Amino acid sequence: MAGKKTLEIDIKENTQEKKQVLLRISARLWNDLAGWAEDDFRSINGQIEFLLTEAVKKRKNKKD
């Protein structure tokens, strides 16, 4: 039982670390992202987060 409680706490802490932002994008871009997300078996939010993470990694690697 202790392991389960620890897991629940870890999940809650990880969830709290995420920031919520309002993103205004065109319907066309939304549809493109939705299609891409579906191809990659991700939610649209997950796809946006993935793409932003990859862009940040790429930028950091250029600076090194």
Protein backbone atom coordinates (compact mmCIF):
# COMPACT_ATOMS: atom_id res chain seq x y z
CA MET A 1 0.00 0.00 0.00
CA ALA A 2 2.82 2.44 0.76
CA GLY A 3 4.07 2.16 -2.82
CA LYS A 4 0.68 3.13 -4.20
CA LYS A 5 0.48 6.22 -2.00
CA THR A 6 3.98 7.29 -3.09
CA LEU A 7 2.96 6.88 -6.74
CA GLU A 8 -0.14 9.01 -6.19
CA ILE A 9 1.97 11.76 -4.61
CA ASP A 10 4.50 11.62 -7.47
CA ILE A 11 1.73 11.90 -10.06
CA LYS A 12 0.18 14.88 -8.26
CA GLU A 13 3.56 16.63 -8.02
CA ASN A 14 4.27 16.12 -11.73
CA THR A 15 0.83 17.44 -12.64
CA GLN A 16 1.32 20.55 -10.54
CA GLU A 17 4.60 21.36 -12.30
CA LYS A 18 2.83 21.99 -15.61
CA LYS A 19 1.78 25.51 -16.47
CA GLN A 20 -1.44 26.34 -18.24
CA VAL A 21 -1.29 28.80 -21.12
CA LEU A 22 -3.83 30.19 -23.51
CA LEU A 23 -2.68 29.67 -27.09
CA ARG A 24 -4.37 31.44 -29.97
CA ILE A 25 -3.73 29.77 -33.31
CA SER A 26 -5.50 29.71 -36.64
CA ALA A 27 -8.05 27.03 -37.41
CA ARG A 28 -5.83 25.85 -40.25
CA LEU A 29 -2.83 25.35 -37.92
CA TRP A 30 -5.09 23.64 -35.35
CA ASN A 31 -6.31 21.21 -38.00
CA ASP A 32 -2.75 20.49 -39.16
CA LEU A 33 -1.66 19.85 -35.57
CA ALA A 34 -4.70 17.67 -34.93
CA GLY A 35 -3.88 15.51 -37.95
CA TRP A 36 -0.24 15.26 -36.97
CA ALA A 37 -1.17 14.39 -33.39
CA GLU A 38 -3.49 11.66 -34.60
CA ASP A 39 -0.73 10.20 -36.79
CA ASP A 40 1.59 10.12 -33.76
CA PHE A 41 -1.12 8.77 -31.39
CA ARG A 42 -0.96 11.90 -29.20
CA SER A 43 -3.47 14.42 -27.98
CA ILE A 44 -3.23 17.85 -29.58
CA ASN A 45 -1.88 19.21 -26.29
CA GLY A 46 0.67 16.38 -26.18
CA GLN A 47 1.71 17.10 -29.76
CA ILE A 48 2.20 20.82 -29.07
CA GLU A 49 4.22 20.02 -25.94
CA PHE A 50 6.32 17.48 -27.89
CA LEU A 51 7.04 19.96 -30.69
CA LEU A 52 7.95 22.74 -28.28
CA THR A 53 10.23 20.41 -26.31
CA GLU A 54 12.00 19.30 -29.51
CA ALA A 55 12.44 22.93 -30.63
CA VAL A 56 13.96 23.90 -27.27
CA LYS A 57 16.34 20.91 -27.34
CA LYS A 58 17.41 21.80 -30.88
CA ARG A 59 18.04 25.42 -29.90
CA LYS A 60 20.06 24.39 -26.83
CA ASN A 61 22.19 22.05 -28.96
CA LYS A 62 22.96 24.88 -31.40
CA LYS A 63 24.25 27.03 -28.55
CA ASP A 64 26.64 24.30 -27.33
